Amino acid sequence: MSVAQDRFLECYAAIATATGRMLAAARAADWQALDEGERECNDWIARIERLGDPDLVLDATGRRARMDILRRVLRDDAAIRELLQPWLGQVDRCLAGAPPAARRPGAAP
């Protein structure tokens, strides 16, 4: 593998590590850690962008490795979103100004 390819894959692996920590934070309802993980991912994405086009650098093995990592990142992201859905629904209802009884289906006034 080339040095440039290694750099790309290291960045993708770091994103996967960060999203794994984000998933653990979401499971623990640690919103500060979740936010920190998101910022870390954004930093790694910016590094990848500065490296250039991965398709011009990665060979077939590198492209497969990148796709494996991205699948893991997407699985973590989907799990995080699933955990956040009930919470996001509560926020949406609060922002919409729904009266308290309307905020939870079946809740007593």
PDB file of N, CA and C in Angstrom:
ATOM      1  N   MET A   1       0.835  -1.186   0.000  1.00  0.00           N
ATOM      2  CA  MET A   1       0.000   0.000   0.000  1.00  0.00           C
ATOM      3  C   MET A   1       0.876   1.244   0.000  1.00  0.00           C
ATOM      4  N   SER A   2       0.367   2.284  -0.637  1.00  0.00           N
ATOM      5  CA  SER A   2       1.100   3.543  -0.671  1.00  0.00           C
ATOM      6  C   SER A   2       0.849   4.342   0.602  1.00  0.00           C
ATOM      7  N   VAL A   3       1.721   5.290   0.847  1.00  0.00           N
ATOM      8  CA  VAL A   3       1.571   6.156   2.013  1.00  0.00           C
ATOM      9  C   VAL A   3       0.262   6.934   1.913  1.00  0.00           C
ATOM     10  N   ALA A   4      -0.062   7.440   0.724  1.00  0.00           N
ATOM     11  CA  ALA A   4      -1.300   8.205   0.540  1.00  0.00           C
ATOM     12  C   ALA A   4      -2.513   7.323   0.823  1.00  0.00           C
ATOM     13  N   GLN A   5      -2.483   6.094   0.356  1.00  0.00           N
ATOM     14  CA  GLN A   5      -3.597   5.182   0.612  1.00  0.00           C
ATOM     15  C   GLN A   5      -3.724   4.917   2.111  1.00  0.00           C
ATOM     16  N   ASP A   6      -2.611   4.703   2.772  1.00  0.00           N
ATOM     17  CA  ASP A   6      -2.630   4.487   4.225  1.00  0.00           C
ATOM     18  C   ASP A   6      -3.257   5.672   4.944  1.00  0.00           C
ATOM     19  N   ARG A   7      -2.913   6.876   4.523  1.00  0.00           N
ATOM     20  CA  ARG A   7      -3.479   8.078   5.159  1.00  0.00           C
ATOM     21  C   ARG A   7      -4.997   8.104   5.010  1.00  0.00           C
ATOM     22  N   PHE A   8      -5.471   7.841   3.805  1.00  0.00           N
ATOM     23  CA  PHE A   8      -6.926   7.813   3.594  1.00  0.00           C
ATOM     24  C   PHE A   8      -7.588   6.792   4.511  1.00  0.00           C
ATOM     25  N   LEU A   9      -7.070   5.583   4.504  1.00  0.00           N
ATOM     26  CA  LEU A   9      -7.695   4.516   5.289  1.00  0.00           C
ATOM     27  C   LEU A   9      -7.610   4.791   6.785  1.00  0.00           C
ATOM     28  N   GLU A  10      -6.532   5.424   7.233  1.00  0.00           N
ATOM     29  CA  GLU A  10      -6.435   5.809   8.645  1.00  0.00           C
ATOM     30  C   GLU A  10      -7.528   6.810   9.006  1.00  0.00           C
ATOM     31  N   CYS A  11      -7.786   7.749   8.116  1.00  0.00           N
ATOM     32  CA  CYS A  11      -8.852   8.735   8.368  1.00  0.00           C
ATOM     33  C   CYS A  11     -10.215   8.054   8.418  1.00  0.00           C
ATOM     34  N   TYR A  12     -10.481   7.168   7.478  1.00  0.00           N
ATOM     35  CA  TYR A  12     -11.768   6.466   7.486  1.00  0.00           C
ATOM     36  C   TYR A  12     -11.905   5.608   8.745  1.00  0.00           C
ATOM     37  N   ALA A  13     -10.832   4.946   9.137  1.00  0.00           N
ATOM     38  CA  ALA A  13     -10.873   4.126  10.353  1.00  0.00           C
ATOM     39  C   ALA A  13     -11.124   4.998  11.582  1.00  0.00           C
ATOM     40  N   ALA A  14     -10.547   6.186  11.613  1.00  0.00           N
ATOM     41  CA  ALA A  14     -10.772   7.093  12.742  1.00  0.00           C
ATOM     42  C   ALA A  14     -12.232   7.531  12.800  1.00  0.00           C
ATOM     43  N   ILE A  15     -12.843   7.742  11.653  1.00  0.00           N
ATOM     44  CA  ILE A  15     -14.272   8.086  11.625  1.00  0.00           C
ATOM     45  C   ILE A  15     -15.078   6.926  12.191  1.00  0.00           C
ATOM     46  N   ALA A  16     -14.739   5.705  11.800  1.00  0.00           N
ATOM     47  CA  ALA A  16     -15.464   4.535  12.311  1.00  0.00           C
ATOM     48  C   ALA A  16     -15.298   4.410  13.824  1.00  0.00           C
ATOM     49  N   THR A  17     -14.124   4.679  14.321  1.00  0.00           N
ATOM     50  CA  THR A  17     -13.895   4.633  15.766  1.00  0.00           C
ATOM     51  C   THR A  17     -14.743   5.697  16.460  1.00  0.00           C
ATOM     52  N   ALA A  18     -14.776   6.880  15.887  1.00  0.00           N
ATOM     53  CA  ALA A  18     -15.565   7.970  16.475  1.00  0.00           C
ATOM     54  C   ALA A  18     -17.052   7.651  16.449  1.00  0.00           C
ATOM     55  N   THR A  19     -17.543   7.077  15.349  1.00  0.00           N
ATOM     56  CA  THR A  19     -18.976   6.764  15.305  1.00  0.00           C
ATOM     57  C   THR A  19     -19.313   5.637  16.278  1.00  0.00           C
ATOM     58  N   GLY A  20     -18.368   4.732  16.512  1.00  0.00           N
ATOM     59  CA  GLY A  20     -18.589   3.703  17.533  1.00  0.00           C
ATOM     60  C   GLY A  20     -18.730   4.326  18.911  1.00  0.00           C
ATOM     61  N   ARG A  21     -17.882   5.319  19.202  1.00  0.00           N
ATOM     62  CA  ARG A  21     -18.003   6.027  20.483  1.00  0.00           C
ATOM     63  C   ARG A  21     -19.304   6.820  20.540  1.00  0.00           C
ATOM     64  N   MET A  22     -19.711   7.380  19.411  1.00  0.00           N
ATOM     65  CA  MET A  22     -20.975   8.122  19.374  1.00  0.00           C
ATOM     66  C   MET A  22     -22.150   7.207  19.672  1.00  0.00           C
ATOM     67  N   LEU A  23     -22.117   6.001  19.138  1.00  0.00           N
ATOM     68  CA  LEU A  23     -23.188   5.047  19.404  1.00  0.00           C
ATOM     69  C   LEU A  23     -23.227   4.699  20.888  1.00  0.00           C
ATOM     70  N   ALA A  24     -22.067   4.463  21.476  1.00  0.00           N
ATOM     71  CA  ALA A  24     -22.022   4.180  22.911  1.00  0.00           C
ATOM     72  C   ALA A  24     -22.548   5.375  23.704  1.00  0.00           C
ATOM     73  N   ALA A  25     -22.206   6.573  23.285  1.00  0.00           N
ATOM     74  CA  ALA A  25     -22.684   7.779  23.972  1.00  0.00           C
ATOM     75  C   ALA A  25     -24.200   7.907  23.847  1.00  0.00           C
ATOM     76  N   ALA A  26     -24.744   7.614  22.667  1.00  0.00           N
ATOM     77  CA  ALA A  26     -26.193   7.695  22.478  1.00  0.00           C
ATOM     78  C   ALA A  26     -26.895   6.664  23.352  1.00  0.00           C
ATOM     79  N   ARG A  27     -26.332   5.479  23.442  1.00  0.00           N
ATOM     80  CA  ARG A  27     -26.931   4.440  24.296  1.00  0.00           C
ATOM     81  C   ARG A  27     -26.920   4.853  25.765  1.00  0.00           C
ATOM     82  N   ALA A  28     -25.908   5.630  26.162  1.00  0.00           N
ATOM     83  CA  ALA A  28     -25.777   6.079  27.548  1.00  0.00           C
ATOM     84  C   ALA A  28     -26.455   7.438  27.778  1.00  0.00           C
ATOM     85  N   ALA A  29     -27.077   7.979  26.726  1.00  0.00           N
ATOM     86  CA  ALA A  29     -27.697   9.309  26.784  1.00  0.00           C
ATOM     87  C   ALA A  29     -26.677  10.372  27.204  1.00  0.00           C
ATOM     88  N   ASP A  30     -25.446  10.211  26.742  1.00  0.00           N
ATOM     89  CA  ASP A  30     -24.381  11.174  27.016  1.00  0.00           C
ATOM     90  C   ASP A  30     -24.290  12.111  25.815  1.00  0.00           C
ATOM     91  N   TRP A  31     -25.111  13.152  25.838  1.00  0.00           N
ATOM     92  CA  TRP A  31     -25.255  14.029  24.672  1.00  0.00           C
ATOM     93  C   TRP A  31     -23.996  14.849  24.427  1.00  0.00           C
ATOM     94  N   GLN A  32     -23.265  15.178  25.467  1.00  0.00           N
ATOM     95  CA  GLN A  32     -22.018  15.914  25.278  1.00  0.00           C
ATOM     96  C   GLN A  32     -21.006  15.052  24.514  1.00  0.00           C
ATOM     97  N   ALA A  33     -20.871  13.792  24.902  1.00  0.00           N
ATOM     98  CA  ALA A  33     -19.945  12.893  24.200  1.00  0.00           C
ATOM     99  C   ALA A  33     -20.399  12.660  22.763  1.00  0.00           C
ATOM    100  N   LEU A  34     -21.699  12.588  22.550  1.00  0.00           N
ATOM    101  CA  LEU A  34     -22.223  12.418  21.194  1.00  0.00           C
ATOM    102  C   LEU A  34     -21.843  13.622  20.338  1.00  0.00           C
ATOM    103  N   ASP A  35     -22.016  14.814  20.894  1.00  0.00           N
ATOM    104  CA  ASP A  35     -21.665  16.036  20.177  1.00  0.00           C
ATOM    105  C   ASP A  35     -20.162  16.104  19.903  1.00  0.00           C
ATOM    106  N   GLU A  36     -19.356  15.711  20.873  1.00  0.00           N
ATOM    107  CA  GLU A  36     -17.903  15.696  20.681  1.00  0.00           C
ATOM    108  C   GLU A  36     -17.514  14.726  19.569  1.00  0.00           C
ATOM    109  N   GLY A  37     -18.176  13.580  19.529  1.00  0.00           N
ATOM    110  CA  GLY A  37     -17.900  12.606  18.479  1.00  0.00           C
ATOM    111  C   GLY A  37     -18.267  13.142  17.108  1.00  0.00           C
ATOM    112  N   GLU A  38     -19.353  13.871  17.041  1.00  0.00           N
ATOM    113  CA  GLU A  38     -19.755  14.459  15.762  1.00  0.00           C
ATOM    114  C   GLU A  38     -18.712  15.472  15.286  1.00  0.00           C
ATOM    115  N   ARG A  39     -18.225  16.293  16.211  1.00  0.00           N
ATOM    116  CA  ARG A  39     -17.180  17.259  15.846  1.00  0.00           C
ATOM    117  C   ARG A  39     -15.911  16.531  15.391  1.00  0.00           C
ATOM    118  N   GLU A  40     -15.571  15.444  16.078  1.00  0.00           N
ATOM    119  CA  GLU A  40     -14.386  14.666  15.692  1.00  0.00           C
ATOM    120  C   GLU A  40     -14.555  14.100  14.281  1.00  0.00           C
ATOM    121  N   CYS A  41     -15.733  13.569  13.982  1.00  0.00           N
ATOM    122  CA  CYS A  41     -15.985  13.049  12.626  1.00  0.00           C
ATOM    123  C   CYS A  41     -15.823  14.154  11.590  1.00  0.00           C
ATOM    124  N   ASN A  42     -16.366  15.326  11.883  1.00  0.00           N
ATOM    125  CA  ASN A  42     -16.241  16.445  10.942  1.00  0.00           C
ATOM    126  C   ASN A  42     -14.783  16.806  10.705  1.00  0.00           C
ATOM    127  N   ASP A  43     -13.966  16.748  11.762  1.00  0.00           N
ATOM    128  CA  ASP A  43     -12.532  17.027  11.599  1.00  0.00           C
ATOM    129  C   ASP A  43     -11.876  15.995  10.681  1.00  0.00           C
ATOM    130  N   TRP A  44     -12.208  14.714  10.879  1.00  0.00           N
ATOM    131  CA  TRP A  44     -11.617  13.664  10.034  1.00  0.00           C
ATOM    132  C   TRP A  44     -12.100  13.791   8.595  1.00  0.00           C
ATOM    133  N   ILE A  45     -13.363  14.144   8.409  1.00  0.00           N
ATOM    134  CA  ILE A  45     -13.885  14.335   7.047  1.00  0.00           C
ATOM    135  C   ILE A  45     -13.140  15.473   6.358  1.00  0.00           C
ATOM    136  N   ALA A  46     -12.885  16.553   7.092  1.00  0.00           N
ATOM    137  CA  ALA A  46     -12.126  17.674   6.518  1.00  0.00           C
ATOM    138  C   ALA A  46     -10.722  17.218   6.114  1.00  0.00           C
ATOM    139  N   ARG A  47     -10.111  16.354   6.915  1.00  0.00           N
ATOM    140  CA  ARG A  47      -8.782  15.835   6.561  1.00  0.00           C
ATOM    141  C   ARG A  47      -8.841  15.030   5.273  1.00  0.00           C
ATOM    142  N   ILE A  48      -9.867  14.207   5.149  1.00  0.00           N
ATOM    143  CA  ILE A  48     -10.019  13.415   3.919  1.00  0.00           C
ATOM    144  C   ILE A  48     -10.169  14.346   2.725  1.00  0.00           C
ATOM    145  N   GLU A  49     -10.975  15.374   2.880  1.00  0.00           N
ATOM    146  CA  GLU A  49     -11.177  16.317   1.773  1.00  0.00           C
ATOM    147  C   GLU A  49      -9.864  16.990   1.372  1.00  0.00           C
ATOM    148  N   ARG A  50      -9.030  17.299   2.365  1.00  0.00           N
ATOM    149  CA  ARG A  50      -7.734  17.920   2.058  1.00  0.00           C
ATOM    150  C   ARG A  50      -6.791  16.949   1.350  1.00  0.00           C
ATOM    151  N   LEU A  51      -6.966  15.650   1.591  1.00  0.00           N
ATOM    152  CA  LEU A  51      -6.109  14.654   0.928  1.00  0.00           C
ATOM    153  C   LEU A  51      -6.427  14.508  -0.553  1.00  0.00           C
ATOM    154  N   GLY A  52      -7.620  14.893  -0.945  1.00  0.00           N
ATOM    155  CA  GLY A  52      -8.004  14.801  -2.348  1.00  0.00           C
ATOM    156  C   GLY A  52      -9.025  13.716  -2.605  1.00  0.00           C
ATOM    157  N   ASP A  53      -9.053  13.252  -3.826  1.00  0.00           N
ATOM    158  CA  ASP A  53     -10.036  12.267  -4.274  1.00  0.00           C
ATOM    159  C   ASP A  53      -9.534  10.854  -3.958  1.00  0.00           C
ATOM    160  N   PRO A  54     -10.209  10.156  -3.041  1.00  0.00           N
ATOM    161  CA  PRO A  54      -9.734   8.814  -2.694  1.00  0.00           C
ATOM    162  C   PRO A  54      -9.766   7.847  -3.875  1.00  0.00           C
ATOM    163  N   ASP A  55     -10.666   8.078  -4.817  1.00  0.00           N
ATOM    164  CA  ASP A  55     -10.746   7.172  -5.967  1.00  0.00           C
ATOM    165  C   ASP A  55      -9.503   7.253  -6.854  1.00  0.00           C
ATOM    166  N   LEU A  56      -8.777   8.343  -6.743  1.00  0.00           N
ATOM    167  CA  LEU A  56      -7.542   8.479  -7.525  1.00  0.00           C
ATOM    168  C   LEU A  56      -6.342   7.857  -6.807  1.00  0.00           C
ATOM    169  N   VAL A  57      -6.516   7.551  -5.517  1.00  0.00           N
ATOM    170  CA  VAL A  57      -5.394   7.058  -4.719  1.00  0.00           C
ATOM    171  C   VAL A  57      -5.562   5.593  -4.329  1.00  0.00           C
ATOM    172  N   LEU A  58      -6.778   5.209  -3.995  1.00  0.00           N
ATOM    173  CA  LEU A  58      -7.008   3.855  -3.487  1.00  0.00           C
ATOM    174  C   LEU A  58      -6.980   2.818  -4.603  1.00  0.00           C
ATOM    175  N   ASP A  59      -6.285   1.742  -4.349  1.00  0.00           N
ATOM    176  CA  ASP A  59      -6.317   0.617  -5.279  1.00  0.00           C
ATOM    177  C   ASP A  59      -7.538  -0.240  -4.938  1.00  0.00           C
ATOM    178  N   ALA A  60      -7.699  -1.351  -5.599  1.00  0.00           N
ATOM    179  CA  ALA A  60      -8.884  -2.195  -5.381  1.00  0.00           C
ATOM    180  C   ALA A  60      -8.995  -2.647  -3.926  1.00  0.00           C
ATOM    181  N   THR A  61      -7.879  -3.018  -3.340  1.00  0.00           N
ATOM    182  CA  THR A  61      -7.889  -3.438  -1.935  1.00  0.00           C
ATOM    183  C   THR A  61      -8.275  -2.274  -1.032  1.00  0.00           C
ATOM    184  N   GLY A  62      -7.736  -1.115  -1.305  1.00  0.00           N
ATOM    185  CA  GLY A  62      -8.048   0.072  -0.524  1.00  0.00           C
ATOM    186  C   GLY A  62      -9.504   0.476  -0.656  1.00  0.00           C
ATOM    187  N   ARG A  63     -10.054   0.370  -1.865  1.00  0.00           N
ATOM    188  CA  ARG A  63     -11.475   0.699  -2.073  1.00  0.00           C
ATOM    189  C   ARG A  63     -12.372  -0.264  -1.310  1.00  0.00           C
ATOM    190  N   ARG A  64     -12.007  -1.551  -1.310  1.00  0.00           N
ATOM    191  CA  ARG A  64     -12.792  -2.531  -0.531  1.00  0.00           C
ATOM    192  C   ARG A  64     -12.720  -2.220   0.957  1.00  0.00           C
ATOM    193  N   ALA A  65     -11.529  -1.889   1.428  1.00  0.00           N
ATOM    194  CA  ALA A  65     -11.363  -1.552   2.852  1.00  0.00           C
ATOM    195  C   ALA A  65     -12.186  -0.311   3.200  1.00  0.00           C
ATOM    196  N   ARG A  66     -12.146   0.687   2.320  1.00  0.00           N
ATOM    197  CA  ARG A  66     -12.937   1.908   2.562  1.00  0.00           C
ATOM    198  C   ARG A  66     -14.417   1.576   2.620  1.00  0.00           C
ATOM    199  N   MET A  67     -14.905   0.756   1.717  1.00  0.00           N
ATOM    200  CA  MET A  67     -16.333   0.402   1.703  1.00  0.00           C
ATOM    201  C   MET A  67     -16.708  -0.376   2.961  1.00  0.00           C
ATOM    202  N   ASP A  68     -15.854  -1.266   3.428  1.00  0.00           N
ATOM    203  CA  ASP A  68     -16.129  -1.992   4.680  1.00  0.00           C
ATOM    204  C   ASP A  68     -16.241  -1.025   5.849  1.00  0.00           C
ATOM    205  N   ILE A  69     -15.330  -0.075   5.898  1.00  0.00           N
ATOM    206  CA  ILE A  69     -15.360   0.917   6.976  1.00  0.00           C
ATOM    207  C   ILE A  69     -16.621   1.763   6.873  1.00  0.00           C
ATOM    208  N   LEU A  70     -16.956   2.216   5.667  1.00  0.00           N
ATOM    209  CA  LEU A  70     -18.135   3.063   5.498  1.00  0.00           C
ATOM    210  C   LEU A  70     -19.417   2.313   5.849  1.00  0.00           C
ATOM    211  N   ARG A  71     -19.467   1.024   5.556  1.00  0.00           N
ATOM    212  CA  ARG A  71     -20.641   0.234   5.967  1.00  0.00           C
ATOM    213  C   ARG A  71     -20.778   0.218   7.487  1.00  0.00           C
ATOM    214  N   ARG A  72     -19.664   0.076   8.183  1.00  0.00           N
ATOM    215  CA  ARG A  72     -19.688   0.091   9.650  1.00  0.00           C
ATOM    216  C   ARG A  72     -20.152   1.456  10.169  1.00  0.00           C
ATOM    217  N   VAL A  73     -19.656   2.525   9.554  1.00  0.00           N
ATOM    218  CA  VAL A  73     -20.062   3.876   9.939  1.00  0.00           C
ATOM    219  C   VAL A  73     -21.561   4.052   9.725  1.00  0.00           C
ATOM    220  N   LEU A  74     -22.061   3.583   8.596  1.00  0.00           N
ATOM    221  CA  LEU A  74     -23.498   3.719   8.306  1.00  0.00           C
ATOM    222  C   LEU A  74     -24.353   2.895   9.266  1.00  0.00           C
ATOM    223  N   ARG A  75     -23.871   1.717   9.639  1.00  0.00           N
ATOM    224  CA  ARG A  75     -24.618   0.912  10.641  1.00  0.00           C
ATOM    225  C   ARG A  75     -24.678   1.643  11.974  1.00  0.00           C
ATOM    226  N   ASP A  76     -23.555   2.215  12.396  1.00  0.00           N
ATOM    227  CA  ASP A  76     -23.541   2.981  13.644  1.00  0.00           C
ATOM    228  C   ASP A  76     -24.472   4.184  13.547  1.00  0.00           C
ATOM    229  N   ASP A  77     -24.409   4.874  12.413  1.00  0.00           N
ATOM    230  CA  ASP A  77     -25.263   6.045  12.221  1.00  0.00           C
ATOM    231  C   ASP A  77     -26.740   5.661  12.288  1.00  0.00           C
ATOM    232  N   ALA A  78     -27.108   4.571  11.645  1.00  0.00           N
ATOM    233  CA  ALA A  78     -28.502   4.117  11.679  1.00  0.00           C
ATOM    234  C   ALA A  78     -28.927   3.771  13.106  1.00  0.00           C
ATOM    235  N   ALA A  79     -28.053   3.124  13.851  1.00  0.00           N
ATOM    236  CA  ALA A  79     -28.374   2.765  15.236  1.00  0.00           C
ATOM    237  C   ALA A  79     -28.517   4.019  16.099  1.00  0.00           C
ATOM    238  N   ILE A  80     -27.660   5.005  15.872  1.00  0.00           N
ATOM    239  CA  ILE A  80     -27.762   6.267  16.619  1.00  0.00           C
ATOM    240  C   ILE A  80     -29.089   6.942  16.311  1.00  0.00           C
ATOM    241  N   ARG A  81     -29.439   7.016  15.041  1.00  0.00           N
ATOM    242  CA  ARG A  81     -30.707   7.654  14.649  1.00  0.00           C
ATOM    243  C   ARG A  81     -31.897   6.917  15.257  1.00  0.00           C
ATOM    244  N   GLU A  82     -31.830   5.618  15.293  1.00  0.00           N
ATOM    245  CA  GLU A  82     -32.919   4.830  15.888  1.00  0.00           C
ATOM    246  C   GLU A  82     -33.062   5.160  17.378  1.00  0.00           C
ATOM    247  N   LEU A  83     -31.947   5.287  18.057  1.00  0.00           N
ATOM    248  CA  LEU A  83     -31.984   5.633  19.482  1.00  0.00           C
ATOM    249  C   LEU A  83     -32.511   7.049  19.702  1.00  0.00           C
ATOM    250  N   LEU A  84     -32.204   7.955  18.782  1.00  0.00           N
ATOM    251  CA  LEU A  84     -32.597   9.349  18.943  1.00  0.00           C
ATOM    252  C   LEU A  84     -34.018   9.650  18.489  1.00  0.00           C
ATOM    253  N   GLN A  85     -34.634   8.767  17.733  1.00  0.00           N
ATOM    254  CA  GLN A  85     -35.969   9.052  17.199  1.00  0.00           C
ATOM    255  C   GLN A  85     -36.976   9.443  18.274  1.00  0.00           C
ATOM    256  N   PRO A  86     -37.128   8.699  19.370  1.00  0.00           N
ATOM    257  CA  PRO A  86     -38.109   9.115  20.379  1.00  0.00           C
ATOM    258  C   PRO A  86     -37.774  10.493  20.950  1.00  0.00           C
ATOM    259  N   TRP A  87     -36.516  10.728  21.194  1.00  0.00           N
ATOM    260  CA  TRP A  87     -36.087  12.012  21.730  1.00  0.00           C
ATOM    261  C   TRP A  87     -36.363  13.134  20.738  1.00  0.00           C
ATOM    262  N   LEU A  88     -36.072  12.902  19.461  1.00  0.00           N
ATOM    263  CA  LEU A  88     -36.318  13.921  18.450  1.00  0.00           C
ATOM    264  C   LEU A  88     -37.808  14.213  18.318  1.00  0.00           C
ATOM    265  N   GLY A  89     -38.640  13.187  18.464  1.00  0.00           N
ATOM    266  CA  GLY A  89     -40.087  13.401  18.424  1.00  0.00           C
ATOM    267  C   GLY A  89     -40.544  14.296  19.556  1.00  0.00           C
ATOM    268  N   GLN A  90     -39.982  14.120  20.731  1.00  0.00           N
ATOM    269  CA  GLN A  90     -40.331  14.976  21.870  1.00  0.00           C
ATOM    270  C   GLN A  90     -39.908  16.418  21.595  1.00  0.00           C
ATOM    271  N   VAL A  91     -38.735  16.596  21.052  1.00  0.00           N
ATOM    272  CA  VAL A  91     -38.258  17.939  20.731  1.00  0.00           C
ATOM    273  C   VAL A  91     -39.169  18.576  19.695  1.00  0.00           C
ATOM    274  N   ASP A  92     -39.549  17.828  18.654  1.00  0.00           N
ATOM    275  CA  ASP A  92     -40.437  18.359  17.623  1.00  0.00           C
ATOM    276  C   ASP A  92     -41.760  18.819  18.223  1.00  0.00           C
ATOM    277  N   ARG A  93     -42.311  17.996  19.123  1.00  0.00           N
ATOM    278  CA  ARG A  93     -43.591  18.377  19.734  1.00  0.00           C
ATOM    279  C   ARG A  93     -43.438  19.612  20.608  1.00  0.00           C
ATOM    280  N   CYS A  94     -42.343  19.706  21.330  1.00  0.00           N
ATOM    281  CA  CYS A  94     -42.106  20.890  22.167  1.00  0.00           C
ATOM    282  C   CYS A  94     -41.936  22.139  21.304  1.00  0.00           C
ATOM    283  N   LEU A  95     -41.188  22.019  20.225  1.00  0.00           N
ATOM    284  CA  LEU A  95     -40.969  23.164  19.351  1.00  0.00           C
ATOM    285  C   LEU A  95     -42.244  23.591  18.641  1.00  0.00           C
ATOM    286  N   ALA A  96     -43.116  22.639  18.401  1.00  0.00           N
ATOM    287  CA  ALA A  96     -44.383  22.953  17.742  1.00  0.00           C
ATOM    288  C   ALA A  96     -45.360  23.621  18.703  1.00  0.00           C
ATOM    289  N   GLY A  97     -45.017  23.636  19.992  1.00  0.00           N
ATOM    290  CA  GLY A  97     -45.880  24.283  20.970  1.00  0.00           C
ATOM    291  C   GLY A  97     -47.120  23.485  21.308  1.00  0.00           C
ATOM    292  N   ALA A  98     -47.044  22.171  21.151  1.00  0.00           N
ATOM    293  CA  ALA A  98     -48.194  21.323  21.458  1.00  0.00           C
ATOM    294  C   ALA A  98     -48.480  21.389  22.950  1.00  0.00           C
ATOM    295  N   PRO A  99     -49.757  21.410  23.329  1.00  0.00           N
ATOM    296  CA  PRO A  99     -50.084  21.397  24.753  1.00  0.00           C
ATOM    297  C   PRO A  99     -49.594  20.107  25.393  1.00  0.00           C
ATOM    298  N   PRO A 100     -49.339  20.104  26.716  1.00  0.00           N
ATOM    299  CA  PRO A 100     -48.759  18.926  27.376  1.00  0.00           C
ATOM    300  C   PRO A 100     -49.498  17.628  27.101  1.00  0.00           C
ATOM    301  N   ALA A 101     -50.824  17.636  27.088  1.00  0.00           N
ATOM    302  CA  ALA A 101     -51.578  16.393  26.868  1.00  0.00           C
ATOM    303  C   ALA A 101     -51.353  15.858  25.465  1.00  0.00           C
ATOM    304  N   ALA A 102     -51.068  16.739  24.527  1.00  0.00           N
ATOM    305  CA  ALA A 102     -50.877  16.307  23.148  1.00  0.00           C
ATOM    306  C   ALA A 102     -49.458  15.840  22.882  1.00  0.00           C
ATOM    307  N   ARG A 103     -48.568  16.069  23.834  1.00  0.00           N
ATOM    308  CA  ARG A 103     -47.171  15.708  23.614  1.00  0.00           C
ATOM    309  C   ARG A 103     -46.942  14.213  23.651  1.00  0.00           C
ATOM    310  N   ARG A 104     -47.723  13.501  24.461  1.00  0.00           N
ATOM    311  CA  ARG A 104     -47.572  12.046  24.526  1.00  0.00           C
ATOM    312  C   ARG A 104     -48.913  11.421  24.204  1.00  0.00           C
ATOM    313  N   PRO A 105     -48.975  10.635  23.164  1.00  0.00           N
ATOM    314  CA  PRO A 105     -50.235   9.961  22.858  1.00  0.00           C
ATOM    315  C   PRO A 105     -50.726   9.176  24.061  1.00  0.00           C
ATOM    316  N   GLY A 106     -51.992   9.363  24.395  1.00  0.00           N
ATOM    317  CA  GLY A 106     -52.603   8.619  25.484  1.00  0.00           C
ATOM    318  C   GLY A 106     -52.306   9.191  26.859  1.00  0.00           C
ATOM    319  N   ALA A 107     -51.595  10.303  26.935  1.00  0.00           N
ATOM    320  CA  ALA A 107     -51.271  10.897  28.231  1.00  0.00           C
ATOM    321  C   ALA A 107     -52.463  11.645  28.802  1.00  0.00           C
ATOM    322  N   ALA A 108     -52.594  11.577  30.092  1.00  0.00           N
ATOM    323  CA  ALA A 108     -53.677  12.298  30.765  1.00  0.00           C
ATOM    324  C   ALA A 108     -53.331  13.778  30.819  1.00  0.00           C
ATOM    325  N   PRO A 109     -54.355  14.658  30.750  1.00  0.00           N
ATOM    326  CA  PRO A 109     -54.074  16.101  30.789  1.00  0.00           C
ATOM    327  C   PRO A 109     -53.533  16.546  32.121  1.00  0.00           C
TER     328      PRO A 109
END
